Amino acid sequence: MDKRIELLTLQEAGIKTEIPEPYDTLEENALGKARYIYERTKQNCFSEDTGLEVEALNGEPGVKSARYAGDDRTFDKNIEKLLTKLEGKSHRQARFRSVIALILDGKETLFEGICKGQIIREKKGDRGFGYDPVFIPEGSSKTFAEMEMEEKTQYSHRSRAIAKLVTFLNNL
């Protein structure tokens, strides 16, 4: 039996607008985006939401990670706000968490990937995006922004969530 899956970009599926993310959790945002796509395309689909959760900040920036510094957000402004809020704190444990929502034949399933690590005091590296220059994953001495993509993938929260999705689809 052939288990091919054809992936389409949002644009190829006819969705050209930004999909809203109004919810308070990664799970709700991932499901909301998947439902938005499914309602418009009537096709099986998946969507994802990711956040950085810092223990000393009670989970901030969390679901607001991309917009942490406000509407005129940039990666640098988000990092600056994070480091300012962590000033003087020695407990800098954090985790990246990704949630993928799959809608397959109308049934919704969630997959989670987590990468634990810590926030350092100043940026290191120029690869990646977002909080990569200040996040060192457990088991490494480098920030995500110092890693080549292959190395980053070994730790990545997204790759862990995707692996769960792929295993689920392969077991159908």
N, C-alpha and C. Protein backbone atom coordinates (compact mmCIF):
# COMPACT_ATOMS: atom_id res chain seq x y z
N MET A 1 0.84 -1.18 0.00
CA MET A 1 0.00 0.00 0.00
C MET A 1 0.88 1.25 0.00
N ASP A 2 0.58 2.18 -0.87
CA ASP A 2 1.34 3.42 -0.99
C ASP A 2 0.86 4.42 0.04
N LYS A 3 1.77 4.89 0.87
CA LYS A 3 1.40 5.83 1.94
C LYS A 3 1.90 7.23 1.64
N ARG A 4 1.69 7.71 0.45
CA ARG A 4 2.15 9.05 0.10
C ARG A 4 1.22 10.11 0.66
N ILE A 5 1.85 11.17 1.10
CA ILE A 5 1.11 12.32 1.57
C ILE A 5 1.60 13.52 0.78
N GLU A 6 0.68 14.22 0.17
CA GLU A 6 1.05 15.43 -0.58
C GLU A 6 0.86 16.63 0.34
N LEU A 7 1.92 17.40 0.50
CA LEU A 7 1.85 18.61 1.32
C LEU A 7 1.70 19.82 0.42
N LEU A 8 0.79 20.69 0.81
CA LEU A 8 0.58 21.95 0.10
C LEU A 8 0.90 23.10 1.04
N THR A 9 1.44 24.16 0.49
CA THR A 9 1.61 25.37 1.29
C THR A 9 0.23 26.00 1.46
N LEU A 10 0.13 26.93 2.39
CA LEU A 10 -1.14 27.64 2.56
C LEU A 10 -1.54 28.33 1.26
N GLN A 11 -0.59 28.95 0.61
CA GLN A 11 -0.88 29.65 -0.64
C GLN A 11 -1.38 28.66 -1.70
N GLU A 12 -0.75 27.50 -1.81
CA GLU A 12 -1.20 26.49 -2.77
C GLU A 12 -2.61 26.00 -2.44
N ALA A 13 -2.96 26.03 -1.15
CA ALA A 13 -4.30 25.60 -0.72
C ALA A 13 -5.32 26.74 -0.85
N GLY A 14 -4.88 27.91 -1.31
CA GLY A 14 -5.79 29.02 -1.53
C GLY A 14 -5.95 29.96 -0.34
N ILE A 15 -5.11 29.81 0.68
CA ILE A 15 -5.18 30.68 1.86
C ILE A 15 -4.04 31.69 1.77
N LYS A 16 -4.43 32.94 1.59
CA LYS A 16 -3.43 33.98 1.37
C LYS A 16 -3.40 35.02 2.49
N THR A 17 -4.24 34.85 3.49
CA THR A 17 -4.29 35.80 4.60
C THR A 17 -3.58 35.20 5.82
N GLU A 18 -3.17 36.08 6.72
CA GLU A 18 -2.56 35.61 7.97
C GLU A 18 -3.66 34.99 8.83
N ILE A 19 -3.36 33.84 9.39
CA ILE A 19 -4.35 33.14 10.22
C ILE A 19 -4.26 33.67 11.64
N PRO A 20 -5.39 34.05 12.23
CA PRO A 20 -5.37 34.61 13.58
C PRO A 20 -4.88 33.61 14.64
N GLU A 21 -4.27 34.15 15.69
CA GLU A 21 -3.82 33.36 16.85
C GLU A 21 -4.32 34.05 18.12
N PRO A 22 -5.61 34.03 18.37
CA PRO A 22 -6.17 34.82 19.47
C PRO A 22 -6.20 34.13 20.83
N TYR A 23 -5.77 32.89 20.90
CA TYR A 23 -6.01 32.10 22.11
C TYR A 23 -4.89 32.22 23.14
N ASP A 24 -5.16 31.69 24.32
CA ASP A 24 -4.24 31.81 25.46
C ASP A 24 -3.31 30.61 25.63
N THR A 25 -3.46 29.58 24.79
CA THR A 25 -2.57 28.42 24.89
C THR A 25 -2.08 28.04 23.50
N LEU A 26 -0.94 27.36 23.48
CA LEU A 26 -0.40 26.86 22.22
C LEU A 26 -1.35 25.86 21.59
N GLU A 27 -1.95 25.02 22.43
CA GLU A 27 -2.89 24.01 21.93
C GLU A 27 -4.06 24.66 21.21
N GLU A 28 -4.66 25.68 21.85
CA GLU A 28 -5.81 26.35 21.24
C GLU A 28 -5.43 27.07 19.95
N ASN A 29 -4.27 27.71 19.94
CA ASN A 29 -3.84 28.39 18.71
C ASN A 29 -3.57 27.40 17.59
N ALA A 30 -2.89 26.30 17.88
CA ALA A 30 -2.61 25.29 16.85
C ALA A 30 -3.92 24.72 16.30
N LEU A 31 -4.85 24.39 17.20
CA LEU A 31 -6.15 23.87 16.76
C LEU A 31 -6.94 24.93 15.99
N GLY A 32 -6.90 26.16 16.47
CA GLY A 32 -7.62 27.24 15.80
C GLY A 32 -7.13 27.43 14.37
N LYS A 33 -5.83 27.40 14.19
CA LYS A 33 -5.27 27.55 12.84
C LYS A 33 -5.63 26.36 11.97
N ALA A 34 -5.55 25.14 12.52
CA ALA A 34 -5.90 23.95 11.73
C ALA A 34 -7.38 23.97 11.35
N ARG A 35 -8.23 24.38 12.27
CA ARG A 35 -9.67 24.47 11.96
C ARG A 35 -9.94 25.51 10.88
N TYR A 36 -9.24 26.62 10.95
CA TYR A 36 -9.37 27.68 9.95
C TYR A 36 -9.05 27.13 8.56
N ILE A 37 -7.96 26.39 8.47
CA ILE A 37 -7.54 25.80 7.19
C ILE A 37 -8.55 24.75 6.75
N TYR A 38 -8.94 23.87 7.66
CA TYR A 38 -9.86 22.77 7.33
C TYR A 38 -11.21 23.31 6.86
N GLU A 39 -11.73 24.32 7.54
CA GLU A 39 -13.02 24.89 7.16
C GLU A 39 -13.00 25.49 5.77
N ARG A 40 -11.87 26.06 5.37
CA ARG A 40 -11.78 26.72 4.07
C ARG A 40 -11.41 25.77 2.94
N THR A 41 -10.68 24.71 3.26
CA THR A 41 -10.20 23.82 2.20
C THR A 41 -10.91 22.47 2.16
N LYS A 42 -11.51 22.09 3.28
CA LYS A 42 -12.12 20.75 3.42
C LYS A 42 -11.09 19.65 3.16
N GLN A 43 -9.83 19.96 3.46
CA GLN A 43 -8.74 19.01 3.27
C GLN A 43 -8.11 18.69 4.62
N ASN A 44 -7.60 17.47 4.74
CA ASN A 44 -6.81 17.13 5.93
C ASN A 44 -5.67 18.14 6.04
N CYS A 45 -5.32 18.51 7.26
CA CYS A 45 -4.30 19.53 7.42
C CYS A 45 -3.68 19.45 8.81
N PHE A 46 -2.60 20.18 8.97
CA PHE A 46 -2.02 20.35 10.31
C PHE A 46 -1.51 21.77 10.43
N SER A 47 -1.39 22.19 11.67
CA SER A 47 -0.88 23.51 11.98
C SER A 47 -0.07 23.41 13.26
N GLU A 48 0.68 24.46 13.55
CA GLU A 48 1.60 24.39 14.67
C GLU A 48 1.64 25.74 15.39
N ASP A 49 1.89 25.69 16.68
CA ASP A 49 2.21 26.90 17.43
C ASP A 49 3.33 26.55 18.40
N THR A 50 4.20 27.51 18.61
CA THR A 50 5.39 27.30 19.43
C THR A 50 5.57 28.47 20.38
N GLY A 51 6.10 28.18 21.56
CA GLY A 51 6.42 29.25 22.49
C GLY A 51 7.62 28.89 23.35
N LEU A 52 8.24 29.94 23.84
CA LEU A 52 9.32 29.79 24.81
C LEU A 52 8.72 30.02 26.19
N GLU A 53 8.91 29.08 27.09
CA GLU A 53 8.35 29.16 28.44
C GLU A 53 9.49 29.21 29.45
N VAL A 54 9.59 30.34 30.16
CA VAL A 54 10.68 30.56 31.12
C VAL A 54 10.13 30.38 32.53
N GLU A 55 10.71 29.45 33.28
CA GLU A 55 10.21 29.13 34.63
C GLU A 55 10.17 30.34 35.55
N ALA A 56 11.24 31.13 35.59
CA ALA A 56 11.32 32.26 36.51
C ALA A 56 10.32 33.37 36.17
N LEU A 57 9.75 33.30 34.97
CA LEU A 57 8.76 34.30 34.53
C LEU A 57 7.36 33.69 34.45
N ASN A 58 7.15 32.62 35.22
CA ASN A 58 5.85 31.94 35.25
C ASN A 58 5.35 31.54 33.86
N GLY A 59 6.28 31.08 33.02
CA GLY A 59 5.90 30.60 31.70
C GLY A 59 5.94 31.64 30.59
N GLU A 60 6.23 32.89 30.93
CA GLU A 60 6.37 33.90 29.87
C GLU A 60 7.60 33.58 29.04
N PRO A 61 7.62 34.04 27.81
CA PRO A 61 6.57 34.70 27.06
C PRO A 61 5.48 33.75 26.55
N GLY A 62 5.74 32.44 26.54
CA GLY A 62 4.72 31.45 26.22
C GLY A 62 4.04 31.70 24.89
N VAL A 63 2.71 31.67 24.92
CA VAL A 63 1.92 31.80 23.71
C VAL A 63 2.13 33.16 23.04
N LYS A 64 2.65 34.12 23.77
CA LYS A 64 2.90 35.47 23.23
C LYS A 64 4.35 35.63 22.75
N SER A 65 5.09 34.55 22.59
CA SER A 65 6.52 34.62 22.27
C SER A 65 6.84 35.50 21.07
N ALA A 66 6.08 35.35 19.99
CA ALA A 66 6.37 36.13 18.78
C ALA A 66 6.06 37.61 18.96
N ARG A 67 5.15 37.94 19.85
CA ARG A 67 4.71 39.33 20.05
C ARG A 67 5.05 39.83 21.46
N TYR A 68 6.07 39.29 22.04
CA TYR A 68 6.41 39.59 23.43
C TYR A 68 6.68 41.08 23.65
N ALA A 69 7.34 41.72 22.71
CA ALA A 69 7.69 43.14 22.85
C ALA A 69 6.60 44.06 22.31
N GLY A 70 5.45 43.51 21.93
CA GLY A 70 4.36 44.34 21.43
C GLY A 70 4.18 44.21 19.93
N ASP A 71 3.34 45.07 19.39
CA ASP A 71 2.96 44.98 17.98
C ASP A 71 4.12 45.29 17.03
N ASP A 72 5.04 46.14 17.43
CA ASP A 72 6.18 46.47 16.56
C ASP A 72 7.34 45.52 16.84
N ARG A 73 7.00 44.28 17.05
CA ARG A 73 7.96 43.28 17.49
C ARG A 73 9.08 43.05 16.46
N THR A 74 10.22 42.76 17.01
CA THR A 74 11.35 42.23 16.24
C THR A 74 11.99 41.19 17.14
N PHE A 75 12.80 40.32 16.55
CA PHE A 75 13.49 39.32 17.36
C PHE A 75 14.33 40.01 18.43
N ASP A 76 15.04 41.06 18.04
CA ASP A 76 15.91 41.75 19.00
C ASP A 76 15.12 42.38 20.14
N LYS A 77 13.98 42.99 19.84
CA LYS A 77 13.17 43.61 20.90
C LYS A 77 12.59 42.56 21.84
N ASN A 78 12.18 41.43 21.29
CA ASN A 78 11.67 40.35 22.13
C ASN A 78 12.76 39.83 23.07
N ILE A 79 13.97 39.63 22.53
CA ILE A 79 15.09 39.15 23.35
C ILE A 79 15.44 40.19 24.41
N GLU A 80 15.47 41.45 24.02
CA GLU A 80 15.79 42.52 24.97
C GLU A 80 14.80 42.54 26.14
N LYS A 81 13.52 42.40 25.85
CA LYS A 81 12.51 42.38 26.91
C LYS A 81 12.72 41.17 27.82
N LEU A 82 12.99 40.00 27.22
CA LEU A 82 13.20 38.78 28.00
C LEU A 82 14.41 38.94 28.92
N LEU A 83 15.52 39.40 28.39
CA LEU A 83 16.73 39.54 29.20
C LEU A 83 16.55 40.58 30.30
N THR A 84 15.83 41.64 30.01
CA THR A 84 15.55 42.66 31.02
C THR A 84 14.74 42.07 32.17
N LYS A 85 13.72 41.28 31.84
CA LYS A 85 12.88 40.68 32.88
C LYS A 85 13.64 39.63 33.70
N LEU A 86 14.71 39.07 33.12
CA LEU A 86 15.50 38.06 33.83
C LEU A 86 16.70 38.64 34.57
N GLU A 87 16.92 39.95 34.44
CA GLU A 87 18.06 40.57 35.13
C GLU A 87 18.02 40.25 36.62
N GLY A 88 19.18 39.83 37.15
CA GLY A 88 19.30 39.54 38.57
C GLY A 88 18.77 38.17 38.97
N LYS A 89 18.21 37.43 38.04
CA LYS A 89 17.68 36.09 38.35
C LYS A 89 18.72 35.04 37.99
N SER A 90 18.99 34.14 38.93
CA SER A 90 19.94 33.06 38.65
C SER A 90 19.23 31.83 38.07
N HIS A 91 17.96 31.67 38.39
CA HIS A 91 17.18 30.55 37.86
C HIS A 91 16.72 30.93 36.45
N ARG A 92 17.34 30.32 35.44
CA ARG A 92 17.08 30.71 34.06
C ARG A 92 16.64 29.53 33.21
N GLN A 93 16.04 28.52 33.87
CA GLN A 93 15.54 27.35 33.15
C GLN A 93 14.38 27.75 32.25
N ALA A 94 14.35 27.15 31.07
CA ALA A 94 13.31 27.45 30.10
C ALA A 94 13.09 26.24 29.22
N ARG A 95 12.05 26.31 28.43
CA ARG A 95 11.82 25.27 27.44
C ARG A 95 11.11 25.86 26.24
N PHE A 96 11.47 25.35 25.09
CA PHE A 96 10.69 25.61 23.88
C PHE A 96 9.66 24.50 23.80
N ARG A 97 8.43 24.86 23.48
CA ARG A 97 7.37 23.86 23.36
C ARG A 97 6.60 24.11 22.07
N SER A 98 6.48 23.08 21.26
CA SER A 98 5.70 23.13 20.03
C SER A 98 4.51 22.20 20.14
N VAL A 99 3.39 22.65 19.62
CA VAL A 99 2.20 21.82 19.55
C VAL A 99 1.73 21.80 18.10
N ILE A 100 1.57 20.60 17.57
CA ILE A 100 1.03 20.42 16.22
C ILE A 100 -0.39 19.88 16.36
N ALA A 101 -1.31 20.52 15.65
CA ALA A 101 -2.70 20.05 15.60
C ALA A 101 -2.94 19.45 14.22
N LEU A 102 -3.36 18.21 14.19
CA LEU A 102 -3.68 17.51 12.95
C LEU A 102 -5.19 17.35 12.87
N ILE A 103 -5.75 17.66 11.73
CA ILE A 103 -7.15 17.32 11.45
C ILE A 103 -7.12 16.34 10.29
N LEU A 104 -7.49 15.11 10.58
CA LEU A 104 -7.47 14.02 9.61
C LEU A 104 -8.86 13.42 9.55
N ASP A 105 -9.50 13.57 8.41
CA ASP A 105 -10.88 13.09 8.24
C ASP A 105 -11.80 13.62 9.34
N GLY A 106 -11.60 14.87 9.72
CA GLY A 106 -12.45 15.53 10.71
C GLY A 106 -12.07 15.28 12.16
N LYS A 107 -11.13 14.36 12.40
CA LYS A 107 -10.71 14.05 13.77
C LYS A 107 -9.47 14.86 14.12
N GLU A 108 -9.48 15.48 15.31
CA GLU A 108 -8.38 16.33 15.76
C GLU A 108 -7.45 15.57 16.71
N THR A 109 -6.15 15.70 16.46
CA THR A 109 -5.13 15.07 17.31
C THR A 109 -4.00 16.07 17.52
N LEU A 110 -3.48 16.11 18.75
CA LEU A 110 -2.39 17.01 19.09
C LEU A 110 -1.10 16.24 19.34
N PHE A 111 0.02 16.86 18.96
CA PHE A 111 1.35 16.30 19.17
C PHE A 111 2.22 17.39 19.78
N GLU A 112 2.97 17.05 20.83
CA GLU A 112 3.78 18.04 21.52
C GLU A 112 5.26 17.67 21.46
N GLY A 113 6.09 18.67 21.28
CA GLY A 113 7.54 18.50 21.33
C GLY A 113 8.13 19.53 22.28
N ILE A 114 9.04 19.09 23.14
CA ILE A 114 9.63 19.98 24.14
C ILE A 114 11.15 19.89 24.06
N CYS A 115 11.80 21.04 24.19
CA CYS A 115 13.25 21.11 24.32
C CYS A 115 13.56 21.96 25.54
N LYS A 116 14.11 21.32 26.58
CA LYS A 116 14.47 22.04 27.80
C LYS A 116 15.86 22.64 27.66
N GLY A 117 16.06 23.73 28.40
CA GLY A 117 17.36 24.38 28.36
C GLY A 117 17.40 25.55 29.31
N GLN A 118 18.24 26.52 28.97
CA GLN A 118 18.35 27.71 29.81
C GLN A 118 18.60 28.95 28.96
N ILE A 119 18.26 30.09 29.55
CA ILE A 119 18.47 31.38 28.90
C ILE A 119 19.79 31.95 29.41
N ILE A 120 20.66 32.32 28.47
CA ILE A 120 21.93 32.93 28.86
C ILE A 120 21.77 34.45 28.95
N ARG A 121 22.79 35.13 29.44
CA ARG A 121 22.69 36.55 29.74
C ARG A 121 22.90 37.48 28.54
N GLU A 122 23.56 36.97 27.49
CA GLU A 122 23.74 37.80 26.30
C GLU A 122 23.74 36.93 25.06
N LYS A 123 23.41 37.52 23.94
CA LYS A 123 23.25 36.77 22.70
C LYS A 123 24.58 36.18 22.22
N LYS A 124 24.48 34.96 21.66
CA LYS A 124 25.62 34.29 21.05
C LYS A 124 25.14 33.61 19.78
N GLY A 125 25.85 33.84 18.69
CA GLY A 125 25.54 33.19 17.42
C GLY A 125 24.67 34.05 16.54
N ASP A 126 24.70 33.71 15.23
CA ASP A 126 23.94 34.49 14.27
C ASP A 126 23.08 33.63 13.34
N ARG A 127 22.86 32.40 13.73
CA ARG A 127 21.99 31.52 12.93
C ARG A 127 20.62 31.47 13.60
N GLY A 128 19.67 30.91 12.90
CA GLY A 128 18.35 30.72 13.48
C GLY A 128 17.56 32.01 13.53
N PHE A 129 16.59 32.04 14.44
CA PHE A 129 15.70 33.19 14.56
C PHE A 129 15.11 33.21 15.95
N GLY A 130 14.32 34.22 16.22
CA GLY A 130 13.64 34.30 17.51
C GLY A 130 14.61 34.34 18.67
N TYR A 131 14.39 33.48 19.63
CA TYR A 131 15.17 33.45 20.87
C TYR A 131 16.41 32.56 20.76
N ASP A 132 16.69 32.04 19.58
CA ASP A 132 17.82 31.12 19.39
C ASP A 132 19.15 31.64 19.95
N PRO A 133 19.47 32.95 19.84
CA PRO A 133 20.77 33.42 20.35
C PRO A 133 20.92 33.41 21.87
N VAL A 134 19.83 33.22 22.62
CA VAL A 134 19.93 33.23 24.09
C VAL A 134 19.48 31.91 24.72
N PHE A 135 19.23 30.88 23.91
CA PHE A 135 18.75 29.60 24.43
C PHE A 135 19.78 28.51 24.18
N ILE A 136 20.22 27.86 25.28
CA ILE A 136 21.10 26.70 25.19
C ILE A 136 20.30 25.47 25.60
N PRO A 137 20.13 24.51 24.69
CA PRO A 137 19.39 23.30 25.05
C PRO A 137 20.19 22.40 25.98
N GLU A 138 19.47 21.65 26.82
CA GLU A 138 20.12 20.68 27.70
C GLU A 138 20.97 19.74 26.86
N GLY A 139 22.18 19.45 27.34
CA GLY A 139 23.07 18.54 26.64
C GLY A 139 24.01 19.24 25.66
N SER A 140 23.90 20.56 25.56
CA SER A 140 24.77 21.30 24.65
C SER A 140 25.43 22.46 25.41
N SER A 141 26.50 22.96 24.84
CA SER A 141 27.14 24.16 25.38
C SER A 141 26.95 25.34 24.43
N LYS A 142 26.22 25.10 23.33
CA LYS A 142 25.99 26.13 22.32
C LYS A 142 24.54 26.59 22.34
N THR A 143 24.34 27.85 21.95
CA THR A 143 22.97 28.32 21.72
C THR A 143 22.48 27.73 20.41
N PHE A 144 21.16 27.75 20.22
CA PHE A 144 20.61 27.32 18.93
C PHE A 144 21.20 28.15 17.79
N ALA A 145 21.49 29.43 18.05
CA ALA A 145 22.00 30.33 17.01
C ALA A 145 23.46 30.04 16.65
N GLU A 146 24.14 29.23 17.45
CA GLU A 146 25.52 28.84 17.15
C GLU A 146 25.58 27.51 16.42
N MET A 147 24.44 26.82 16.29
CA MET A 147 24.42 25.48 15.72
C MET A 147 24.10 25.49 14.24
N GLU A 148 24.69 24.52 13.54
CA GLU A 148 24.25 24.23 12.17
C GLU A 148 22.87 23.58 12.28
N MET A 149 22.09 23.65 11.22
CA MET A 149 20.73 23.14 11.24
C MET A 149 20.67 21.66 11.65
N GLU A 150 21.60 20.86 11.16
CA GLU A 150 21.59 19.43 11.48
C GLU A 150 21.73 19.20 13.00
N GLU A 151 22.61 19.96 13.64
CA GLU A 151 22.81 19.83 15.08
C GLU A 151 21.57 20.33 15.84
N LYS A 152 21.03 21.46 15.41
CA LYS A 152 19.85 22.02 16.06
C LYS A 152 18.67 21.04 16.00
N THR A 153 18.54 20.35 14.88
CA THR A 153 17.44 19.40 14.70
C THR A 153 17.48 18.28 15.72
N GLN A 154 18.67 17.92 16.21
CA GLN A 154 18.78 16.86 17.22
C GLN A 154 18.09 17.25 18.53
N TYR A 155 18.01 18.54 18.80
CA TYR A 155 17.44 19.04 20.05
C TYR A 155 16.03 19.61 19.86
N SER A 156 15.70 19.96 18.65
CA SER A 156 14.55 20.80 18.35
C SER A 156 13.21 20.28 18.85
N HIS A 157 12.47 21.17 19.48
CA HIS A 157 11.10 20.93 19.92
C HIS A 157 10.21 20.65 18.72
N ARG A 158 10.41 21.38 17.64
CA ARG A 158 9.59 21.17 16.44
C ARG A 158 9.87 19.79 15.84
N SER A 159 11.14 19.41 15.76
CA SER A 159 11.44 18.10 15.17
C SER A 159 10.88 16.98 16.04
N ARG A 160 10.82 17.17 17.35
CA ARG A 160 10.24 16.15 18.23
C ARG A 160 8.73 16.04 18.02
N ALA A 161 8.06 17.17 17.86
CA ALA A 161 6.61 17.13 17.59
C ALA A 161 6.35 16.52 16.21
N ILE A 162 7.16 16.89 15.22
CA ILE A 162 6.99 16.35 13.87
C ILE A 162 7.22 14.85 13.87
N ALA A 163 8.22 14.38 14.62
CA ALA A 163 8.48 12.94 14.69
C ALA A 163 7.26 12.19 15.22
N LYS A 164 6.58 12.76 16.21
CA LYS A 164 5.36 12.13 16.75
C LYS A 164 4.25 12.12 15.70
N LEU A 165 4.12 13.22 14.97
CA LEU A 165 3.12 13.28 13.89
C LEU A 165 3.41 12.23 12.82
N VAL A 166 4.65 12.14 12.39
CA VAL A 166 5.03 11.18 11.35
C VAL A 166 4.79 9.74 11.82
N THR A 167 5.16 9.44 13.07
CA THR A 167 4.91 8.09 13.61
C THR A 167 3.41 7.79 13.60
N PHE A 168 2.61 8.74 14.02
CA PHE A 168 1.15 8.57 14.02
C PHE A 168 0.64 8.27 12.61
N LEU A 169 1.09 9.06 11.64
CA LEU A 169 0.63 8.87 10.25
C LEU A 169 1.13 7.54 9.68
N ASN A 170 2.35 7.14 10.01
CA ASN A 170 2.88 5.87 9.53
C ASN A 170 2.16 4.68 10.11
N ASN A 171 1.54 4.84 11.28
CA ASN A 171 0.84 3.74 11.93
C ASN A 171 -0.63 3.63 11.52
N LEU A 172 -1.07 4.49 10.63
CA LEU A 172 -2.47 4.42 10.18
C LEU A 172 -2.70 3.22 9.29
